[in-house]
Amino acid sequence: MNITVAKSWTELNEWQLEEIVDLYLNSNEDNWEKTFEKMIIILFQKNKGFWSRLKLWKIIKQVPVSNLAEFAEFLLQPPKIHSFPEISALKKPADRLGDLSIKQFSYMDQFFHTWMDTKSDKFLRALCASIYRMNNRFDEQDLPVISKQTDKLSKKKRQVIGFIYMSCYQHIAEQFPIVYPKLKKNDQEPEQGKKGKFKPFSEMILNIVMNEESQPLGNLHQCNETRIYEFMTVFTKIIIKNKKLEEEYAKRK
């Protein structure tokens, strides 16, 4: 049987992406096996509708769903999807958030973590609004106007936008491991039912402006306008420098 299906997250069509992301975000360890089977079915169904389901039925009649799992292995890997969908009258970020100011990122990051903690659609809506802009410059005063556009999207479309942000966030974390260190084996994760301490980026921005004598990114206004990758590069150097100072201080004791 000659079967052609998507081989990566970026090859999924709009319907597949919405359905698989919805399953991904609303699954848990207890139902993951059944959830993954549903993802496989969506991967092979390709589109919503009677004829697509009929084609899928013909495939499953010949090959059990469990035997099709190898085609969906990429869904078990961290998603690599970094381009946001277009929304009429709004400006989307560059791929991998490349043109983002650290100020805009701090808003997005706050809304994202709150959404992940609460699973509330209220914060997903806020995240989506904070990702888009009216023009090249981010202004938090524009958020109510932007939200009128982003709130028109279906929940599944908003989930896709949130999911793409999560993928971009993971990419940034991989690029800057000093800023986003991985948990070591001896480090304890937060107990079940308890949330890990989230530190807003606005605090990190103030820390650089107020505590770094050289002010490598300028005053608060200039720092807020710094592109995210430039900010992360400077922040990495500051962390390394401060660690060295701490080590030297410890040796003198």
Protein backbone atom coordinates (compact mmCIF):
# COMPACT_ATOMS: atom_id res chain seq x y z
CA MET A 1 0.00 0.00 0.00
CA ASN A 2 1.40 3.42 -1.00
CA ILE A 3 0.76 5.81 1.91
CA THR A 4 1.81 9.47 1.96
CA VAL A 5 1.45 11.44 5.18
CA ALA A 6 3.05 14.45 6.86
CA LYS A 7 6.51 13.68 8.23
CA SER A 8 6.96 16.74 10.46
CA TRP A 9 4.93 19.31 12.40
CA THR A 10 5.38 21.85 9.62
CA GLU A 11 3.90 19.47 7.02
CA LEU A 12 0.60 19.11 8.88
CA ASN A 13 -2.27 20.96 7.23
CA GLU A 14 -4.35 23.52 9.12
CA TRP A 15 -7.08 21.06 10.16
CA GLN A 16 -4.58 18.41 11.29
CA LEU A 17 -2.57 20.94 13.29
CA GLU A 18 -5.65 22.27 15.10
CA GLU A 19 -6.90 18.79 15.99
CA ILE A 20 -3.53 17.37 17.06
CA VAL A 21 -2.61 20.44 19.12
CA ASP A 22 -6.00 20.24 20.84
CA LEU A 23 -5.30 16.61 21.76
CA TYR A 24 -1.72 17.43 22.79
CA LEU A 25 -2.70 20.26 25.13
CA ASN A 26 -5.59 18.41 26.72
CA SER A 27 -3.96 15.02 27.28
CA ASN A 28 -2.40 13.56 30.40
CA GLU A 29 -0.34 10.51 31.34
CA ASP A 30 -3.44 8.42 32.05
CA ASN A 31 -4.99 8.84 28.61
CA TRP A 32 -1.87 9.38 26.48
CA GLU A 33 -2.04 6.00 24.70
CA LYS A 34 -5.58 6.64 23.45
CA THR A 35 -4.70 10.26 22.65
CA PHE A 36 -1.76 9.17 20.50
CA GLU A 37 -3.99 6.73 18.60
CA LYS A 38 -6.35 9.62 17.83
CA MET A 39 -3.38 11.65 16.58
CA ILE A 40 -2.41 8.80 14.25
CA ILE A 41 -5.97 8.68 12.90
CA ILE A 42 -5.93 12.44 12.22
CA LEU A 43 -2.53 12.11 10.53
CA PHE A 44 -3.96 9.57 8.09
CA GLN A 45 -7.42 11.09 7.72
CA LYS A 46 -5.80 14.34 6.48
CA ASN A 47 -9.05 16.31 6.25
CA LYS A 48 -12.41 16.63 7.95
CA GLY A 49 -15.35 15.11 6.06
CA PHE A 50 -17.03 11.92 4.89
CA TRP A 51 -14.68 11.04 2.02
CA SER A 52 -11.57 11.50 4.14
CA ARG A 53 -13.06 9.25 6.82
CA LEU A 54 -13.93 6.68 4.15
CA LYS A 55 -10.33 6.62 2.88
CA LEU A 56 -9.13 6.28 6.47
CA TRP A 57 -11.52 3.36 7.06
CA LYS A 58 -10.09 1.56 4.02
CA ILE A 59 -6.56 1.97 5.40
CA ILE A 60 -7.45 0.81 8.92
CA LYS A 61 -9.32 -2.18 7.44
CA GLN A 62 -6.01 -3.38 6.00
CA VAL A 63 -3.59 -2.12 8.67
CA PRO A 64 -4.33 -1.76 12.42
CA VAL A 65 -3.81 1.69 13.90
CA SER A 66 -1.05 0.32 16.14
CA ASN A 67 0.95 -0.64 13.04
CA LEU A 68 0.79 2.94 11.76
CA ALA A 69 2.48 4.41 14.87
CA GLU A 70 5.89 4.60 13.17
CA PHE A 71 4.52 7.26 10.80
CA ALA A 72 3.62 9.48 13.77
CA GLU A 73 6.89 9.23 15.71
CA PHE A 74 7.67 12.89 15.00
CA LEU A 75 4.64 13.81 17.14
CA LEU A 76 6.45 12.33 20.14
CA GLN A 77 9.39 14.70 19.67
CA PRO A 78 9.49 18.35 20.82
CA PRO A 79 7.57 20.36 18.21
CA LYS A 80 9.61 22.36 15.71
CA ILE A 81 7.05 24.83 14.46
CA HIS A 82 8.11 28.46 14.58
CA SER A 83 5.96 30.44 12.12
CA PHE A 84 2.74 32.12 13.30
CA PRO A 85 -0.41 32.31 11.16
CA GLU A 86 -1.42 35.54 9.47
CA ILE A 87 -4.29 37.55 10.98
CA SER A 88 -5.93 40.30 8.94
CA ALA A 89 -4.90 43.87 9.88
CA LEU A 90 -2.33 42.63 12.40
CA LYS A 91 1.43 42.09 12.19
CA LYS A 92 2.69 38.69 13.25
CA PRO A 93 6.14 38.12 14.77
CA ALA A 94 9.06 36.94 12.65
CA ASP A 95 9.80 33.22 12.75
CA ARG A 96 11.27 32.12 16.10
CA LEU A 97 10.21 35.53 17.50
CA GLY A 98 13.25 37.06 15.82
CA ASP A 99 11.94 40.65 15.68
CA LEU A 100 10.48 40.73 19.19
CA SER A 101 11.40 43.32 21.79
CA ILE A 102 12.11 42.03 25.27
CA LYS A 103 9.19 44.11 26.52
CA GLN A 104 6.75 42.28 24.26
CA PHE A 105 8.32 38.96 25.19
CA SER A 106 7.85 39.71 28.90
CA TYR A 107 4.09 40.17 28.34
CA MET A 108 3.85 37.01 26.27
CA ASP A 109 5.88 35.01 28.75
CA GLN A 110 3.70 36.08 31.68
CA PHE A 111 0.47 35.21 29.87
CA PHE A 112 1.90 31.90 28.61
CA HIS A 113 2.98 30.64 32.03
CA THR A 114 -0.32 31.70 33.60
CA TRP A 115 -2.22 29.90 30.82
CA MET A 116 -0.14 26.76 31.38
CA ASP A 117 -0.78 26.93 35.13
CA THR A 118 -4.50 27.65 34.97
CA LYS A 119 -5.52 26.20 31.57
CA SER A 120 -7.84 29.21 31.42
CA ASP A 121 -9.01 30.41 28.00
CA LYS A 122 -8.87 33.95 29.42
CA PHE A 123 -5.06 33.81 29.52
CA LEU A 124 -4.83 32.02 26.17
CA ARG A 125 -6.77 34.95 24.68
CA ALA A 126 -4.38 37.39 26.40
CA LEU A 127 -1.37 35.45 25.07
CA CYS A 128 -2.68 35.53 21.49
CA ALA A 129 -3.32 39.27 21.68
CA SER A 130 0.18 39.92 23.05
CA ILE A 131 1.85 37.96 20.23
CA TYR A 132 0.52 40.22 17.47
CA ARG A 133 1.08 43.94 16.91
CA MET A 134 -0.66 46.83 15.15
CA ASN A 135 2.63 47.84 13.50
CA ASN A 136 6.38 47.30 13.88
CA ARG A 137 6.49 48.53 17.48
CA PHE A 138 4.84 46.78 20.43
CA ASP A 139 2.60 48.94 22.60
CA GLU A 140 0.67 47.34 25.46
CA GLN A 141 -2.00 50.03 25.00
CA ASP A 142 -2.92 48.32 21.71
CA LEU A 143 -3.80 45.01 23.38
CA PRO A 144 -7.57 45.73 23.76
CA VAL A 145 -7.80 46.60 20.05
CA ILE A 146 -5.74 43.59 18.99
CA SER A 147 -7.80 41.26 21.20
CA LYS A 148 -10.95 42.23 19.26
CA GLN A 149 -9.33 40.56 16.25
CA THR A 150 -7.70 37.58 17.97
CA ASP A 151 -10.83 36.83 20.04
CA LYS A 152 -12.69 36.15 16.78
CA LEU A 153 -10.54 33.07 16.25
CA SER A 154 -11.83 29.68 17.32
CA LYS A 155 -10.38 28.21 20.49
CA LYS A 156 -8.51 25.58 18.46
CA LYS A 157 -6.87 28.29 16.33
CA ARG A 158 -5.88 30.17 19.49
CA GLN A 159 -4.43 26.95 20.90
CA VAL A 160 -2.30 26.55 17.77
CA ILE A 161 -0.92 30.07 18.28
CA GLY A 162 -0.16 29.29 21.93
CA PHE A 163 1.45 26.01 20.87
CA ILE A 164 3.68 27.77 18.33
CA TYR A 165 4.75 30.20 21.05
CA MET A 166 5.64 27.21 23.25
CA SER A 167 7.78 25.79 20.43
CA CYS A 168 9.54 29.15 19.95
CA TYR A 169 10.09 29.38 23.70
CA GLN A 170 11.73 25.94 23.67
CA HIS A 171 13.94 27.06 20.78
CA ILE A 172 15.10 30.13 22.73
CA ALA A 173 15.73 27.97 25.81
CA GLU A 174 17.92 25.66 23.71
CA GLN A 175 19.85 28.62 22.28
CA PHE A 176 20.50 30.14 25.72
CA PRO A 177 21.05 27.29 28.22
CA ILE A 178 22.72 29.65 30.72
CA VAL A 179 19.52 31.68 30.99
CA TYR A 180 17.33 28.56 30.89
CA PRO A 181 19.35 25.83 32.67
CA LYS A 182 17.93 22.32 32.60
CA LEU A 183 17.06 20.64 35.88
CA LYS A 184 19.93 18.52 37.17
CA LYS A 185 19.32 15.00 38.40
CA ASN A 186 19.61 16.09 42.02
CA ASP A 187 17.31 19.07 41.58
CA GLN A 188 13.79 18.51 42.85
CA GLU A 189 10.82 19.35 40.67
CA PRO A 190 7.85 21.10 42.33
CA GLU A 191 5.67 18.72 44.33
CA GLN A 192 2.44 17.61 42.71
CA GLY A 193 -0.20 20.28 43.20
CA LYS A 194 2.42 22.97 43.82
CA LYS A 195 3.62 25.43 41.19
CA GLY A 196 7.25 26.16 40.48
CA LYS A 197 8.28 29.74 41.14
CA PHE A 198 7.91 31.81 37.99
CA LYS A 199 10.09 34.89 37.70
CA PRO A 200 8.65 37.50 35.29
CA PHE A 201 11.05 38.87 32.70
CA SER A 202 10.10 42.39 33.76
CA GLU A 203 12.05 41.71 36.98
CA MET A 204 15.09 40.57 35.00
CA ILE A 205 14.93 43.72 32.87
CA LEU A 206 14.88 45.92 35.99
CA ASN A 207 17.72 43.89 37.47
CA ILE A 208 19.95 44.59 34.43
CA VAL A 209 19.06 48.29 34.34
CA MET A 210 19.41 48.95 38.09
CA ASN A 211 22.20 46.59 39.14
CA GLU A 212 24.57 46.66 36.19
CA GLU A 213 26.72 49.78 36.45
CA SER A 214 27.71 49.72 32.80
CA GLN A 215 24.04 49.47 31.72
CA PRO A 216 24.92 47.34 28.65
CA LEU A 217 21.41 47.75 27.23
CA GLY A 218 20.92 51.39 28.18
CA ASN A 219 18.18 52.82 30.38
CA LEU A 220 14.86 51.08 31.09
CA HIS A 221 13.20 52.39 27.93
CA GLN A 222 16.14 51.36 25.74
CA CYS A 223 16.38 47.97 27.43
CA ASN A 224 12.67 47.30 26.84
CA GLU A 225 13.16 47.94 23.12
CA THR A 226 16.09 45.51 22.84
CA ARG A 227 15.52 42.54 20.55
CA ILE A 228 15.05 39.32 22.46
CA TYR A 229 18.09 37.47 21.09
CA GLU A 230 20.38 40.44 21.79
CA PHE A 231 18.95 40.67 25.31
CA MET A 232 19.53 36.95 25.93
CA THR A 233 23.12 37.21 24.70
CA VAL A 234 23.86 40.11 27.07
CA PHE A 235 21.98 38.44 29.92
CA THR A 236 24.05 35.28 29.42
CA LYS A 237 27.28 37.29 29.75
CA ILE A 238 25.98 38.96 32.92
CA ILE A 239 25.09 35.60 34.50
CA ILE A 240 28.55 34.19 33.68
CA LYS A 241 30.26 37.32 35.03
CA ASN A 242 28.24 37.25 38.28
CA LYS A 243 28.98 33.56 38.81
CA LYS A 244 32.69 34.23 38.47
CA LEU A 245 32.44 37.08 40.99
CA GLU A 246 30.60 34.79 43.41
CA GLU A 247 33.26 32.11 43.04
CA GLU A 248 36.06 34.63 43.63
CA TYR A 249 34.26 35.99 46.69
CA ALA A 250 33.78 32.46 48.06
CA LYS A 251 37.54 31.75 47.68
CA ARG A 252 38.40 34.84 49.72
CA LYS A 253 36.33 33.67 52.69
